[in-house]
Amino acid sequence: MNTNDAIKKFNSQIEKFSEMKENFCNRPGKDFSRYRKQNFEGVVRSILALDGNTLTNELLRISKYSINAPSASAFIQQREKISASAFPQLFKMINETFDMNMRYEGYRLMAVDGSHIHVPNNPYDLDSLAQSREDEHPHNEFHLNAFWDILQGTFIDAVIQKYRTQNEDSALIEMIERSKLKDVIAVCDRGYESYNNIAHLQNAGWKYVMRVKEKGGRGIADGLNIPDEPEFDMHISLSITRKQSREAKEMAKEKNKYRCIPASIKFDYLPLKTKRNESAHFFTLEFRLVRVKISEDSYEMLMTNLPQAKFPPEKLKDIYDMRWGIETSFRDLKYIVGMLKFHSRKSEFVTQEIYANLIMYNMTAVISRCVEIPAAQRKYEYRIRFSTAVRIIKSLLAGDVSPPAAEVLIQRNITPVRPNRNYPRKKQQKARIQFVYRIA
């Protein structure tokens, strides 16, 4: 697929989506039924094209400074007619169109993670109001949970939650249950360590590589008998029950075979209560617990249900290392694509723009892959500079630059890949986002 083909497919999906507008209006049959300067497709394209300027200046830029450019007020009235299900559906349609089904040892590699999104200050939206410390001004945050295809470099699914109602476990389960993907390896960090999450992955037929807490960290390893060795690879078949009978507790003394969990621990595959004379219900988890060395004096504990013969510890370590791409993708979403530059305080509009940024991120990854970097004798391997490619591809999708010109511009803006570089994270206090401080 070349750049021109990608643009045609993208425009085709936008047009197809617009033909189904009745399904994505808050008042079907009324909204977008009359002829207006801003029709359904025009409003959708404008939301996709929004950048970091004020809304008025963005609308002027998008309309190429036409005297018929819509006012901010008129645009807001039109975007208010679009239902909450519209942009998630468009995100899904475009993903299906550009899915390349790339595989690693026969599996789709899917990184799972979540990230806070700092949104415009809205003290009336209590569900998104956050205050990390007493001396910090309250600010508003959403939480983005996502599946990120490691080999394609694109977001496959997303669940958006508000700060006070966020739950990464429930978001993971929601994305697993609605996914149609097969032969998947989910790559998770320690935040997803729970019997319930593992059971849902196992029940869906998915494989996983999950980092878990070391013994003493109040995690799954605390309840197991594990070798007192720096590195090991052991298989465990653990039958879980809620039954608290004397017989069940006696069985649970075999720590690597049985586990009794209380009603306070969420587990969707066991009843909360059983009658006194009723037999215990069990759910069996089959997994490997593996500790691998990652540096001279540090180790990681991984849990997986991948077969040992095909996926030895070193390969598991490589798979988990590839998860880091989702961390950098969140950074690019926020600071390069522009997910921190919203144009409304309304939750519905914020959600629209989050999905629009996910779509733009994916299209940048897709089109960048269509562009070949010219071969040359260089010290380092080179890749396309994502920060520049985003701007070029946004202009390309808006029709401001031709596909051949866009390819040349992308080829000129490349950056070296310098392996094994790392920097410590800098924690900064979060302030409110105010609309008066915007790019002029």
Protein backbone atom coordinates (compact mmCIF):
# COMPACT_ATOMS: atom_id res chain seq x y z
CA MET A 1 0.00 0.00 0.00
CA ASN A 2 1.30 3.45 -0.93
CA THR A 3 0.40 6.88 0.45
CA ASN A 4 -2.18 7.57 -2.23
CA ASP A 5 -3.97 4.27 -1.51
CA ALA A 6 -4.01 5.05 2.22
CA ILE A 7 -5.60 8.46 1.61
CA LYS A 8 -8.24 6.94 -0.67
CA LYS A 9 -9.10 4.29 1.93
CA PHE A 10 -9.29 6.90 4.68
CA ASN A 11 -11.59 9.18 2.66
CA SER A 12 -13.72 6.19 1.69
CA GLN A 13 -14.28 5.30 5.34
CA ILE A 14 -15.18 8.90 6.22
CA GLU A 15 -17.72 8.97 3.38
CA LYS A 16 -19.13 5.57 4.37
CA PHE A 17 -19.42 6.74 7.97
CA SER A 18 -21.21 9.92 6.87
CA GLU A 19 -23.75 7.88 4.94
CA MET A 20 -24.68 6.23 8.25
CA LYS A 21 -25.13 9.56 10.05
CA GLU A 22 -28.68 8.66 11.17
CA ASN A 23 -27.11 6.12 13.53
CA PHE A 24 -24.80 8.70 15.07
CA CYS A 25 -27.03 11.71 15.70
CA ASN A 26 -28.60 12.55 19.03
CA ARG A 27 -31.92 13.23 17.26
CA PRO A 28 -32.15 10.93 14.22
CA GLY A 29 -34.25 12.40 11.44
CA LYS A 30 -33.78 15.97 12.74
CA ASP A 31 -30.07 16.53 13.24
CA PHE A 32 -28.15 17.28 10.02
CA SER A 33 -31.37 16.89 8.02
CA ARG A 34 -31.33 20.40 6.50
CA TYR A 35 -28.72 21.85 4.17
CA ARG A 36 -26.12 23.81 6.11
CA LYS A 37 -22.59 24.99 5.50
CA GLN A 38 -21.42 22.52 8.15
CA ASN A 39 -22.78 19.08 7.30
CA PHE A 40 -22.10 15.89 9.25
CA GLU A 41 -18.99 14.94 7.28
CA GLY A 42 -17.58 18.47 7.48
CA VAL A 43 -17.95 18.59 11.26
CA VAL A 44 -16.33 15.16 11.68
CA ARG A 45 -13.39 16.14 9.46
CA SER A 46 -12.98 19.42 11.37
CA ILE A 47 -12.80 17.60 14.72
CA LEU A 48 -10.18 15.24 13.28
CA ALA A 49 -8.15 18.23 12.02
CA LEU A 50 -8.18 20.27 15.26
CA ASP A 51 -4.76 21.32 16.51
CA GLY A 52 -3.39 23.44 19.36
CA ASN A 53 -4.80 26.89 18.51
CA THR A 54 -7.96 28.42 19.90
CA LEU A 55 -11.15 27.04 18.37
CA THR A 56 -11.81 30.20 16.33
CA ASN A 57 -8.30 30.18 14.85
CA GLU A 58 -8.49 26.45 14.18
CA LEU A 59 -11.76 26.84 12.26
CA LEU A 60 -10.20 29.64 10.19
CA ARG A 61 -7.19 27.45 9.39
CA ILE A 62 -9.32 24.40 8.54
CA SER A 63 -11.53 26.47 6.21
CA LYS A 64 -8.36 27.97 4.64
CA TYR A 65 -9.36 31.44 5.89
CA SER A 66 -12.51 31.50 3.80
CA ILE A 67 -15.05 34.27 4.48
CA ASN A 68 -17.53 31.41 4.96
CA ALA A 69 -15.57 29.93 7.87
CA PRO A 70 -17.96 28.88 10.66
CA SER A 71 -17.93 30.72 13.96
CA ALA A 72 -16.95 28.83 17.10
CA SER A 73 -20.54 29.06 18.34
CA ALA A 74 -22.00 27.61 15.12
CA PHE A 75 -19.45 24.79 15.13
CA ILE A 76 -20.23 23.89 18.76
CA GLN A 77 -23.95 23.72 17.98
CA GLN A 78 -23.26 21.31 15.14
CA ARG A 79 -20.84 19.04 17.00
CA GLU A 80 -23.35 18.83 19.85
CA LYS A 81 -25.66 16.91 17.51
CA ILE A 82 -23.16 14.03 17.17
CA SER A 83 -23.82 11.12 19.54
CA ALA A 84 -21.33 9.63 21.99
CA SER A 85 -21.07 6.42 19.92
CA ALA A 86 -19.95 8.19 16.72
CA PHE A 87 -16.20 8.61 17.14
CA PRO A 88 -15.65 5.21 18.82
CA GLN A 89 -17.33 3.65 15.78
CA LEU A 90 -15.23 5.70 13.33
CA PHE A 91 -12.10 4.68 15.27
CA LYS A 92 -13.14 1.02 14.93
CA MET A 93 -13.92 1.32 11.19
CA ILE A 94 -10.57 2.91 10.36
CA ASN A 95 -8.70 0.35 12.47
CA GLU A 96 -10.35 -2.52 10.60
CA THR A 97 -9.51 -0.89 7.26
CA PHE A 98 -5.80 -0.58 7.99
CA ASP A 99 -5.26 -3.71 10.09
CA MET A 100 -2.21 -5.55 8.78
CA ASN A 101 -2.50 -8.55 11.13
CA MET A 102 1.24 -8.55 11.87
CA ARG A 103 2.42 -11.57 13.88
CA TYR A 104 5.19 -12.59 16.25
CA GLU A 105 5.64 -16.37 16.40
CA GLY A 106 2.05 -16.65 15.15
CA TYR A 107 0.58 -14.22 17.74
CA ARG A 108 -0.67 -10.63 17.77
CA LEU A 109 1.34 -8.72 20.39
CA MET A 110 -1.00 -6.42 22.31
CA ALA A 111 0.36 -4.07 24.98
CA VAL A 112 -2.16 -3.04 27.64
CA ASP A 113 -1.86 0.11 29.71
CA GLY A 114 -3.58 3.26 30.89
CA SER A 115 -2.64 6.92 31.09
CA HIS A 116 -4.07 10.03 32.73
CA ILE A 117 -5.16 12.83 30.40
CA HIS A 118 -5.10 16.34 31.75
CA VAL A 119 -8.29 18.07 30.49
CA PRO A 120 -9.53 21.67 30.78
CA ASN A 121 -10.48 22.87 34.22
CA ASN A 122 -14.13 22.18 35.04
CA PRO A 123 -14.88 22.34 38.79
CA TYR A 124 -18.47 21.22 38.16
CA ASP A 125 -17.41 17.85 36.72
CA LEU A 126 -16.75 16.16 40.06
CA ASP A 127 -16.08 12.72 38.55
CA SER A 128 -12.99 14.02 36.74
CA LEU A 129 -11.78 16.37 39.50
CA ALA A 130 -8.38 15.36 40.86
CA GLN A 131 -6.07 16.66 43.59
CA SER A 132 -2.89 14.68 44.20
CA ARG A 133 -1.72 16.72 47.22
CA GLU A 134 -3.30 19.14 49.66
CA ASP A 135 -1.14 22.04 48.44
CA GLU A 136 -2.07 21.39 44.79
CA HIS A 137 -4.84 23.16 42.91
CA PRO A 138 -7.66 20.77 41.91
CA HIS A 139 -7.51 19.90 38.22
CA ASN A 140 -9.48 17.61 35.92
CA GLU A 141 -8.31 14.30 34.51
CA PHE A 142 -9.68 11.56 32.29
CA HIS A 143 -8.11 8.10 32.10
CA LEU A 144 -7.36 6.45 28.77
CA ASN A 145 -7.14 2.64 28.78
CA ALA A 146 -5.85 1.14 25.55
CA PHE A 147 -4.75 -1.88 23.57
CA TRP A 148 -1.69 -0.99 21.49
CA ASP A 149 -0.53 -3.33 18.73
CA ILE A 150 3.22 -3.58 19.32
CA LEU A 151 4.18 -4.63 15.79
CA GLN A 152 1.85 -2.25 13.94
CA GLY A 153 2.43 0.63 16.33
CA THR A 154 -1.27 1.54 16.41
CA PHE A 155 -4.03 1.76 19.01
CA ILE A 156 -6.52 -1.08 18.51
CA ASP A 157 -9.11 -0.34 21.20
CA ALA A 158 -9.72 2.17 23.97
CA VAL A 159 -11.90 2.78 27.02
CA ILE A 160 -12.15 6.32 28.37
CA GLN A 161 -12.98 6.83 32.05
CA LYS A 162 -13.07 9.77 34.41
CA TYR A 163 -10.53 10.14 37.21
CA ARG A 164 -12.76 9.24 40.16
CA THR A 165 -14.50 6.35 38.40
CA GLN A 166 -11.45 4.89 36.66
CA ASN A 167 -10.83 1.17 36.91
CA GLU A 168 -8.12 -0.32 34.71
CA ASP A 169 -9.20 -3.88 35.50
CA SER A 170 -12.78 -3.35 34.32
CA ALA A 171 -11.50 -1.54 31.21
CA LEU A 172 -9.20 -4.47 30.38
CA ILE A 173 -12.06 -6.95 30.73
CA GLU A 174 -14.37 -4.77 28.61
CA MET A 175 -11.80 -4.63 25.79
CA ILE A 176 -11.11 -8.38 25.98
CA GLU A 177 -14.81 -9.27 25.83
CA ARG A 178 -15.59 -7.13 22.80
CA SER A 179 -12.45 -8.06 20.87
CA LYS A 180 -12.72 -10.41 17.90
CA LEU A 181 -8.96 -10.97 17.75
CA LYS A 182 -7.55 -14.48 18.00
CA ASP A 183 -4.10 -15.78 18.92
CA VAL A 184 -3.19 -12.75 21.02
CA ILE A 185 -0.43 -12.24 23.57
CA ALA A 186 -1.46 -9.49 25.99
CA VAL A 187 1.59 -7.79 27.52
CA CYS A 188 0.75 -6.19 30.87
CA ASP A 189 2.61 -4.41 33.64
CA ARG A 190 2.18 -4.98 37.39
CA GLY A 191 -0.97 -2.86 37.63
CA TYR A 192 -3.01 -5.66 36.02
CA GLU A 193 -1.91 -8.41 38.41
CA SER A 194 -5.07 -10.13 39.68
CA TYR A 195 -6.67 -13.56 39.56
CA ASN A 196 -9.75 -12.09 37.88
CA ASN A 197 -7.81 -10.47 35.01
CA ILE A 198 -5.81 -13.65 34.43
CA ALA A 199 -9.00 -15.72 34.42
CA HIS A 200 -10.61 -13.44 31.81
CA LEU A 201 -7.52 -13.66 29.59
CA GLN A 202 -7.43 -17.43 29.95
CA ASN A 203 -11.18 -17.80 29.34
CA ALA A 204 -10.93 -15.69 26.15
CA GLY A 205 -8.23 -18.02 24.84
CA TRP A 206 -5.60 -15.28 24.99
CA LYS A 207 -2.00 -15.72 25.99
CA TYR A 208 -0.31 -13.18 28.24
CA VAL A 209 3.01 -12.01 29.60
CA MET A 210 2.44 -10.08 32.81
CA ARG A 211 4.94 -8.58 35.18
CA VAL A 212 4.00 -9.40 38.79
CA LYS A 213 5.21 -8.28 42.20
CA GLU A 214 8.05 -10.04 43.91
CA LYS A 215 7.42 -12.06 47.06
CA GLY A 216 6.68 -9.65 49.89
CA GLY A 217 4.99 -7.18 47.55
CA ARG A 218 1.44 -8.30 48.47
CA GLY A 219 0.88 -9.93 45.11
CA ILE A 220 0.12 -13.38 43.73
CA ALA A 221 3.66 -14.64 44.49
CA ASP A 222 3.07 -14.15 48.24
CA GLY A 223 0.65 -17.05 48.31
CA LEU A 224 2.93 -19.48 46.46
CA ASN A 225 5.91 -21.63 47.34
CA ILE A 226 8.56 -20.40 44.95
CA PRO A 227 12.25 -21.34 44.75
CA ASP A 228 14.71 -19.26 46.71
CA GLU A 229 16.82 -18.75 43.62
CA PRO A 230 17.71 -15.69 41.50
CA GLU A 231 16.17 -17.22 38.36
CA PHE A 232 13.59 -19.95 37.87
CA ASP A 233 10.79 -21.11 35.57
CA MET A 234 8.02 -23.13 37.21
CA HIS A 235 4.58 -24.32 36.06
CA ILE A 236 1.63 -23.90 38.43
CA SER A 237 -1.91 -25.25 38.23
CA LEU A 238 -3.85 -23.26 40.83
CA SER A 239 -7.48 -24.13 41.66
CA ILE A 240 -9.32 -21.20 43.22
CA THR A 241 -12.45 -21.41 45.37
CA ARG A 242 -14.48 -19.12 47.61
CA LYS A 243 -15.53 -21.98 49.86
CA GLN A 244 -14.23 -21.42 53.40
CA SER A 245 -15.01 -24.88 54.75
CA ARG A 246 -12.56 -26.86 56.85
CA GLU A 247 -11.92 -29.19 53.92
CA ALA A 248 -11.19 -26.29 51.53
CA LYS A 249 -8.83 -24.67 54.02
CA GLU A 250 -7.01 -27.95 54.47
CA MET A 251 -6.58 -28.27 50.70
CA ALA A 252 -5.29 -24.68 50.54
CA LYS A 253 -2.25 -25.70 52.58
CA GLU A 254 -0.90 -27.00 49.28
CA LYS A 255 -0.13 -23.44 48.21
CA ASN A 256 0.76 -24.18 44.62
CA LYS A 257 -2.43 -26.19 43.99
CA TYR A 258 -5.32 -24.55 45.85
CA ARG A 259 -6.32 -21.09 47.01
CA CYS A 260 -9.31 -19.91 49.05
CA ILE A 261 -10.27 -16.33 48.31
CA PRO A 262 -12.73 -14.22 50.32
CA ALA A 263 -15.86 -12.55 48.92
CA SER A 264 -14.06 -9.18 49.04
CA ILE A 265 -11.75 -10.25 46.17
CA LYS A 266 -13.44 -9.83 42.80
CA PHE A 267 -13.57 -13.02 40.76
CA ASP A 268 -16.26 -13.26 38.10
CA TYR A 269 -16.11 -17.02 37.57
CA LEU A 270 -17.08 -18.12 41.10
CA PRO A 271 -20.32 -17.48 43.03
CA LEU A 272 -19.98 -15.08 45.94
CA LYS A 273 -21.65 -17.51 48.33
CA THR A 274 -22.23 -21.24 48.52
CA LYS A 275 -24.59 -23.11 50.80
CA ARG A 276 -23.15 -25.00 53.73
CA ASN A 277 -23.87 -28.42 52.22
CA GLU A 278 -22.96 -27.42 48.66
CA SER A 279 -19.72 -28.66 47.13
CA ALA A 280 -16.96 -26.17 46.54
CA HIS A 281 -16.76 -24.50 43.11
CA PHE A 282 -13.26 -24.32 41.62
CA PHE A 283 -11.71 -22.36 38.76
CA THR A 284 -8.25 -23.52 37.69
CA LEU A 285 -5.58 -21.14 36.43
CA GLU A 286 -2.70 -22.65 34.47
CA PHE A 287 0.42 -20.48 34.29
CA ARG A 288 4.17 -20.26 34.52
CA LEU A 289 5.96 -18.10 37.06
CA VAL A 290 9.33 -16.97 35.72
CA ARG A 291 12.04 -14.78 37.20
CA VAL A 292 14.53 -13.37 34.72
CA LYS A 293 17.65 -11.26 35.12
CA ILE A 294 17.42 -7.82 33.52
CA SER A 295 20.68 -6.25 34.74
CA GLU A 296 23.67 -7.01 36.91
CA ASP A 297 21.73 -6.79 40.17
CA SER A 298 18.03 -6.70 39.29
CA TYR A 299 15.39 -9.25 38.32
CA GLU A 300 11.80 -9.28 37.11
CA MET A 301 9.04 -11.74 37.90
CA LEU A 302 6.82 -12.62 34.95
CA MET A 303 3.63 -14.66 34.75
CA THR A 304 2.59 -16.29 31.48
CA ASN A 305 0.55 -19.10 29.97
CA LEU A 306 2.82 -19.42 26.92
CA PRO A 307 4.39 -22.87 26.37
CA GLN A 308 7.88 -23.24 27.80
CA ALA A 309 9.32 -25.08 24.81
CA LYS A 310 8.55 -22.29 22.34
CA PHE A 311 8.87 -19.34 24.73
CA PRO A 312 11.84 -19.78 27.11
CA PRO A 313 12.57 -17.08 29.73
CA GLU A 314 14.80 -14.98 27.44
CA LYS A 315 12.05 -14.73 24.84
CA LEU A 316 9.52 -13.73 27.52
CA LYS A 317 11.89 -10.96 28.61
CA ASP A 318 12.12 -9.71 25.02
CA ILE A 319 8.32 -9.70 24.68
CA TYR A 320 7.88 -7.74 27.90
CA ASP A 321 10.57 -5.24 26.85
CA MET A 322 8.57 -4.51 23.69
CA ARG A 323 5.71 -3.28 25.89
CA TRP A 324 7.58 0.00 26.42
CA GLY A 325 6.30 1.23 23.07
CA ILE A 326 2.87 1.93 24.57
CA GLU A 327 4.48 4.28 27.09
CA THR A 328 6.12 6.35 24.35
CA SER A 329 2.90 6.25 22.31
CA PHE A 330 1.00 7.90 25.17
CA ARG A 331 3.67 10.60 25.29
CA ASP A 332 3.37 11.17 21.53
CA LEU A 333 -0.43 11.29 21.76
CA LYS A 334 -0.30 14.02 24.37
CA TYR A 335 2.63 16.19 23.35
CA ILE A 336 2.91 15.64 19.59
CA VAL A 337 -0.55 14.73 18.28
CA GLY A 338 -2.06 17.24 20.72
CA MET A 339 -4.23 15.34 23.18
CA LEU A 340 -3.58 17.99 25.84
CA LYS A 341 -4.98 20.81 23.67
CA PHE A 342 -8.74 20.49 23.98
CA HIS A 343 -11.31 22.97 22.72
CA SER A 344 -14.09 22.52 25.26
CA ARG A 345 -14.75 21.71 28.90
CA LYS A 346 -17.72 19.47 28.03
CA SER A 347 -17.03 15.80 28.69
CA GLU A 348 -18.72 14.75 25.43
CA PHE A 349 -16.51 17.05 23.38
CA VAL A 350 -13.37 16.01 25.26
CA THR A 351 -14.16 12.37 24.45
CA GLN A 352 -14.70 13.24 20.78
CA GLU A 353 -11.27 14.84 20.63
CA ILE A 354 -9.56 11.94 22.42
CA TYR A 355 -10.84 9.52 19.78
CA ALA A 356 -9.95 12.01 17.03
CA ASN A 357 -6.37 12.10 18.34
CA LEU A 358 -6.23 8.29 18.46
CA ILE A 359 -7.34 8.19 14.81
CA MET A 360 -4.73 10.79 13.81
CA TYR A 361 -2.02 8.89 15.69
CA ASN A 362 -2.93 5.67 13.89
CA MET A 363 -3.08 7.34 10.48
CA THR A 364 0.36 8.84 11.07
CA ALA A 365 1.72 5.37 11.89
CA VAL A 366 0.00 3.81 8.84
CA ILE A 367 1.09 6.43 6.29
CA SER A 368 4.61 6.68 7.72
CA ARG A 369 4.97 2.97 7.09
CA CYS A 370 4.12 3.56 3.42
CA VAL A 371 7.14 5.86 3.07
CA GLU A 372 10.51 4.24 2.44
CA ILE A 373 13.61 5.83 3.95
CA PRO A 374 16.28 6.10 1.21
CA ALA A 375 19.18 3.70 1.72
CA ALA A 376 22.47 5.33 2.69
CA GLN A 377 25.68 4.63 4.56
CA ARG A 378 24.95 5.87 8.07
CA LYS A 379 26.31 5.23 11.54
CA TYR A 380 22.83 4.56 12.94
CA GLU A 381 19.59 3.10 11.68
CA TYR A 382 17.13 5.89 10.90
CA ARG A 383 13.38 6.19 11.32
CA ILE A 384 10.78 8.82 10.41
CA ARG A 385 10.55 11.74 12.83
CA PHE A 386 7.05 11.23 14.27
CA SER A 387 6.64 14.81 15.48
CA THR A 388 7.09 16.18 11.95
CA ALA A 389 5.15 13.36 10.28
CA VAL A 390 2.04 14.19 12.35
CA ARG A 391 1.94 17.75 10.99
CA ILE A 392 2.54 16.62 7.40
CA ILE A 393 -0.07 13.86 7.53
CA LYS A 394 -2.70 16.12 9.09
CA SER A 395 -2.16 18.49 6.16
CA LEU A 396 -2.26 15.54 3.75
CA LEU A 397 -5.60 14.28 5.12
CA ALA A 398 -7.00 17.82 4.90
CA GLY A 399 -5.98 18.02 1.23
CA ASP A 400 -3.46 20.81 1.77
CA VAL A 401 -0.54 18.80 0.36
CA SER A 402 -0.39 16.12 -2.35
CA PRO A 403 0.65 12.51 -1.55
CA PRO A 404 3.93 12.73 -3.57
CA ALA A 405 4.92 15.99 -1.85
CA ALA A 406 4.01 14.54 1.55
CA GLU A 407 6.22 11.50 0.92
CA VAL A 408 9.20 13.69 0.03
CA LEU A 409 8.70 15.85 3.13
CA ILE A 410 8.42 12.80 5.39
CA GLN A 411 11.57 11.25 3.84
CA ARG A 412 13.52 14.43 4.55
CA ASN A 413 12.58 14.42 8.22
CA ILE A 414 14.20 11.37 9.75
CA THR A 415 15.97 10.81 13.03
CA PRO A 416 18.62 8.28 14.18
CA VAL A 417 17.69 5.36 16.41
CA ARG A 418 20.16 5.30 19.28
CA PRO A 419 19.64 2.07 21.27
CA ASN A 420 19.98 1.68 25.05
CA ARG A 421 19.35 5.37 25.82
CA ASN A 422 17.27 6.08 28.89
CA TYR A 423 16.46 9.03 31.10
CA PRO A 424 14.89 9.23 34.56
CA ARG A 425 11.25 10.29 34.71
CA LYS A 426 10.67 13.86 35.85
CA LYS A 427 7.65 14.19 38.09
CA GLN A 428 5.97 17.57 37.82
CA GLN A 429 3.14 19.13 39.72
CA LYS A 430 0.00 19.34 37.60
CA ALA A 431 -1.73 22.68 37.18
CA ARG A 432 -5.15 23.60 35.86
CA ILE A 433 -5.53 23.97 32.10
CA GLN A 434 -7.05 27.36 31.35
CA PHE A 435 -8.28 28.45 27.93
CA VAL A 436 -6.76 31.93 28.25
CA TYR A 437 -3.30 30.43 27.95
CA ARG A 438 -3.41 29.02 24.42
CA ILE A 439 -1.40 29.40 21.25
CA ALA A 440 -2.52 32.70 19.76
